[in-house]
Amino acid sequence: MSEGGVFLPWGVVTAAFWTAGTPEPPGPGPVPPAAVPSAPTGLPDVPARIAGIAALAAEGSLDEAALHAEQLDAAYGAATGGTPTTALADIREVRGYLASLAGETRAAVGWYLHALRLRAALQGPAHPDTGAAVRRTYSLWRTVADPVLGQALGAELLATAVAVEGRGSTAARRIRAVLADPAPDWSHDTPTELTASWEDAFTLWDRGDDP
């Protein structure tokens, strides 16, 4: 995040403001030029920016990649006024992927869940992208090594899967089965029907989604 100076709403008050006497009413002066409206913030090139982030991650510069992803998130939000889009879901999922690479499991799954809910709201539960997001989130969740954290995140994932795909969906049934197991195998293995590469977050933009 930028650490620029704080700009107060009333501007900068100088010492002369406090020491000067009551000023005489000003005489007529030149008419100031009309204010030029500021240009709107340009929409970031999300595919190009994500490609750059992917390159940084591939080089092992995870901190720099995460910073660039955060900056892209902020720039895109400023350009769109915070309007949810599928491109924003892509950006948030990339942030989750980077968090997973950094070992920040709770944050990683949280970003994936957030992106999943965005896609469901924007594209609908039946859209293939939404189903793929469910599978990626499930696959990422199954990499959680801590059983306590796995149970906690699984409960949140189950609630989301039920809300998006229904109680009888494949994802919901599999999540319930894992959560009900007194000693689940917290491994990277996932059922064939739910296996998805959660590592493909960097390639999501290649689908050609609208911003």
Protein backbone atom coordinates (compact mmCIF):
# COMPACT_ATOMS: atom_id res chain seq x y z
CA MET A 1 0.00 0.00 0.00
CA SER A 2 1.15 3.55 -0.64
CA GLU A 3 2.45 5.50 2.31
CA GLY A 4 1.93 8.95 0.82
CA GLY A 5 1.22 12.00 2.93
CA VAL A 6 -2.12 12.73 4.54
CA PHE A 7 -4.04 15.42 2.71
CA LEU A 8 -6.40 17.21 5.06
CA PRO A 9 -9.70 18.50 3.64
CA TRP A 10 -8.98 22.11 4.48
CA GLY A 11 -5.51 22.17 2.90
CA VAL A 12 -2.38 23.60 4.48
CA VAL A 13 -2.71 26.49 6.98
CA THR A 14 0.39 28.72 7.12
CA ALA A 15 1.64 30.81 10.03
CA ALA A 16 0.58 33.99 8.22
CA PHE A 17 -3.01 32.86 8.53
CA TRP A 18 -2.85 33.20 12.32
CA THR A 19 -0.73 36.43 12.52
CA ALA A 20 -2.22 38.58 9.78
CA GLY A 21 -4.81 41.19 10.65
CA THR A 22 -8.24 41.47 9.16
CA PRO A 23 -7.70 41.78 5.43
CA GLU A 24 -9.28 44.45 3.28
CA PRO A 25 -11.99 43.23 0.97
CA PRO A 26 -10.29 42.13 -2.20
CA GLY A 27 -10.74 44.18 -5.33
CA PRO A 28 -11.82 42.70 -8.60
CA GLY A 29 -9.23 40.36 -9.93
CA PRO A 30 -8.77 38.25 -13.00
CA VAL A 31 -11.37 35.61 -13.60
CA PRO A 32 -9.80 32.23 -12.83
CA PRO A 33 -9.77 29.74 -15.68
CA ALA A 34 -12.45 27.10 -15.67
CA ALA A 35 -11.44 23.96 -13.83
CA VAL A 36 -10.48 21.13 -16.11
CA PRO A 37 -12.24 17.93 -15.04
CA SER A 38 -9.87 15.18 -14.09
CA ALA A 39 -9.66 12.27 -16.47
CA PRO A 40 -11.24 9.06 -15.22
CA THR A 41 -8.92 6.40 -13.95
CA GLY A 42 -8.07 4.04 -16.79
CA LEU A 43 -9.08 0.42 -16.55
CA PRO A 44 -5.99 -1.70 -15.85
CA ASP A 45 -4.96 -4.30 -18.40
CA VAL A 46 -5.85 -7.24 -16.19
CA PRO A 47 -4.44 -10.03 -18.42
CA ALA A 48 -1.09 -8.26 -18.81
CA ARG A 49 -0.88 -7.41 -15.12
CA ILE A 50 -1.69 -10.97 -14.08
CA ALA A 51 0.90 -12.29 -16.52
CA GLY A 52 3.48 -10.08 -14.83
CA ILE A 53 2.40 -11.31 -11.42
CA ALA A 54 2.67 -14.91 -12.60
CA ALA A 55 6.21 -14.26 -13.83
CA LEU A 56 7.20 -12.84 -10.45
CA ALA A 57 5.72 -15.84 -8.65
CA ALA A 58 7.53 -18.23 -10.99
CA GLU A 59 10.80 -16.48 -10.10
CA GLY A 60 10.08 -16.99 -6.42
CA SER A 61 9.41 -13.29 -5.74
CA LEU A 62 6.22 -14.01 -3.83
CA ASP A 63 6.23 -10.84 -1.73
CA GLU A 64 6.59 -8.67 -4.82
CA ALA A 65 3.95 -10.70 -6.67
CA ALA A 66 1.53 -10.30 -3.76
CA LEU A 67 2.18 -6.56 -3.67
CA HIS A 68 1.51 -6.25 -7.40
CA ALA A 69 -1.70 -8.26 -6.99
CA GLU A 70 -2.83 -5.99 -4.18
CA GLN A 71 -2.07 -2.93 -6.30
CA LEU A 72 -3.96 -4.41 -9.25
CA ASP A 73 -6.93 -5.10 -7.00
CA ALA A 74 -6.91 -1.49 -5.77
CA ALA A 75 -6.44 -0.01 -9.26
CA TYR A 76 -9.22 -2.13 -10.75
CA GLY A 77 -11.55 -1.24 -7.89
CA ALA A 78 -10.83 2.47 -8.37
CA ALA A 79 -11.42 2.25 -12.11
CA THR A 80 -14.71 0.38 -11.80
CA GLY A 81 -16.04 2.07 -8.69
CA GLY A 82 -16.00 -1.22 -6.84
CA THR A 83 -18.46 -2.85 -9.24
CA PRO A 84 -18.20 -6.66 -9.00
CA THR A 85 -17.09 -8.30 -12.24
CA THR A 86 -15.68 -11.64 -13.30
CA ALA A 87 -12.32 -9.96 -13.82
CA LEU A 88 -12.40 -8.89 -10.17
CA ALA A 89 -13.12 -12.50 -9.20
CA ASP A 90 -10.06 -13.53 -11.23
CA ILE A 91 -7.89 -10.98 -9.42
CA ARG A 92 -9.14 -12.11 -6.01
CA GLU A 93 -8.49 -15.74 -6.88
CA VAL A 94 -4.95 -14.89 -7.97
CA ARG A 95 -4.46 -13.28 -4.57
CA GLY A 96 -5.67 -16.50 -2.99
CA TYR A 97 -3.25 -18.54 -5.06
CA LEU A 98 -0.36 -16.34 -3.99
CA ALA A 99 -1.45 -16.69 -0.37
CA SER A 100 -1.41 -20.47 -0.75
CA LEU A 101 2.12 -20.34 -2.15
CA ALA A 102 3.16 -18.28 0.86
CA GLY A 103 1.68 -20.86 3.25
CA GLU A 104 -1.18 -18.58 4.31
CA THR A 105 -3.83 -21.28 4.09
CA ARG A 106 -6.67 -19.51 5.86
CA ALA A 107 -6.29 -16.41 3.68
CA ALA A 108 -5.95 -18.53 0.53
CA VAL A 109 -9.18 -20.44 1.07
CA GLY A 110 -10.88 -17.20 2.11
CA TRP A 111 -9.98 -15.53 -1.19
CA TYR A 112 -11.17 -18.57 -3.15
CA LEU A 113 -14.47 -18.60 -1.29
CA HIS A 114 -14.87 -14.88 -1.95
CA ALA A 115 -14.19 -15.37 -5.68
CA LEU A 116 -16.60 -18.30 -5.79
CA ARG A 117 -19.40 -16.22 -4.30
CA LEU A 118 -18.70 -13.43 -6.77
CA ARG A 119 -18.94 -15.80 -9.72
CA ALA A 120 -22.14 -17.36 -8.42
CA ALA A 121 -23.72 -13.93 -8.00
CA LEU A 122 -22.56 -12.65 -11.39
CA GLN A 123 -22.83 -15.72 -13.60
CA GLY A 124 -25.33 -17.88 -11.75
CA PRO A 125 -24.95 -21.24 -9.97
CA ALA A 126 -25.33 -23.25 -13.19
CA HIS A 127 -22.57 -21.48 -15.10
CA PRO A 128 -19.52 -23.65 -15.88
CA ASP A 129 -17.19 -21.04 -14.38
CA THR A 130 -19.06 -21.24 -11.09
CA GLY A 131 -18.85 -25.02 -11.04
CA ALA A 132 -15.14 -24.85 -11.81
CA ALA A 133 -14.66 -22.36 -8.98
CA VAL A 134 -16.37 -24.78 -6.58
CA ARG A 135 -14.01 -27.55 -7.67
CA ARG A 136 -10.92 -25.36 -7.37
CA THR A 137 -11.93 -24.22 -3.90
CA TYR A 138 -12.63 -27.79 -2.82
CA SER A 139 -9.28 -28.95 -4.17
CA LEU A 140 -7.45 -26.15 -2.37
CA TRP A 141 -9.29 -26.91 0.87
CA ARG A 142 -8.19 -30.55 0.68
CA THR A 143 -4.56 -29.43 0.80
CA VAL A 144 -5.02 -28.04 4.32
CA ALA A 145 -2.66 -29.94 6.61
CA ASP A 146 -4.05 -28.73 9.96
CA PRO A 147 -7.14 -30.81 10.87
CA VAL A 148 -8.60 -28.10 13.11
CA LEU A 149 -8.23 -25.46 10.42
CA GLY A 150 -9.48 -27.93 7.84
CA GLN A 151 -12.69 -28.48 9.80
CA ALA A 152 -13.26 -24.76 10.28
CA LEU A 153 -12.68 -23.87 6.63
CA GLY A 154 -14.66 -26.92 5.54
CA ALA A 155 -17.72 -25.72 7.44
CA GLU A 156 -17.54 -22.40 5.60
CA LEU A 157 -17.00 -24.15 2.28
CA LEU A 158 -19.97 -26.45 2.91
CA ALA A 159 -22.25 -23.49 3.62
CA THR A 160 -21.10 -21.83 0.41
CA ALA A 161 -21.44 -25.00 -1.68
CA VAL A 162 -24.96 -25.57 -0.38
CA ALA A 163 -25.92 -21.97 -1.09
CA VAL A 164 -24.49 -22.13 -4.61
CA GLU A 165 -25.20 -25.68 -5.80
CA GLY A 166 -27.65 -27.11 -3.30
CA ARG A 167 -27.54 -29.65 -0.47
CA GLY A 168 -27.52 -32.62 -2.83
CA SER A 169 -24.64 -31.44 -5.03
CA THR A 170 -21.52 -33.55 -5.44
CA ALA A 171 -19.42 -30.95 -3.67
CA ALA A 172 -21.77 -30.65 -0.71
CA ARG A 173 -21.96 -34.43 -0.28
CA ARG A 174 -18.18 -34.85 -0.43
CA ILE A 175 -17.54 -31.98 1.99
CA ARG A 176 -20.05 -33.40 4.48
CA ALA A 177 -18.39 -36.82 4.21
CA VAL A 178 -14.97 -35.36 5.00
CA LEU A 179 -16.27 -33.27 7.89
CA ALA A 180 -18.15 -36.24 9.35
CA ASP A 181 -15.07 -38.49 9.27
CA PRO A 182 -13.52 -38.58 12.77
CA ALA A 183 -10.08 -39.00 11.24
CA PRO A 184 -10.16 -37.65 7.69
CA ASP A 185 -7.15 -38.05 5.48
CA TRP A 186 -6.07 -34.46 5.04
CA SER A 187 -4.09 -35.03 1.90
CA HIS A 188 -3.88 -33.61 -1.58
CA ASP A 189 -5.93 -36.46 -3.04
CA THR A 190 -9.41 -35.49 -4.16
CA PRO A 191 -12.23 -37.45 -5.78
CA THR A 192 -12.03 -37.61 -9.54
CA GLU A 193 -15.30 -35.78 -10.03
CA LEU A 194 -14.08 -32.83 -7.94
CA THR A 195 -10.42 -32.68 -8.82
CA ALA A 196 -9.44 -29.39 -10.40
CA SER A 197 -6.20 -27.54 -10.72
CA TRP A 198 -6.49 -24.69 -8.24
CA GLU A 199 -3.05 -23.69 -9.51
CA ASP A 200 -4.61 -22.44 -12.77
CA ALA A 201 -5.60 -19.16 -11.15
CA PHE A 202 -3.06 -17.36 -13.30
CA THR A 203 -4.73 -18.58 -16.49
CA LEU A 204 -8.31 -17.59 -15.62
CA TRP A 205 -8.06 -14.32 -17.54
CA ASP A 206 -7.29 -16.22 -20.75
CA ARG A 207 -10.96 -17.15 -21.05
CA GLY A 208 -11.67 -13.71 -22.52
CA ASP A 209 -14.18 -12.64 -19.85
CA ASP A 210 -15.61 -9.16 -20.03
CA PRO A 211 -14.11 -6.76 -17.46
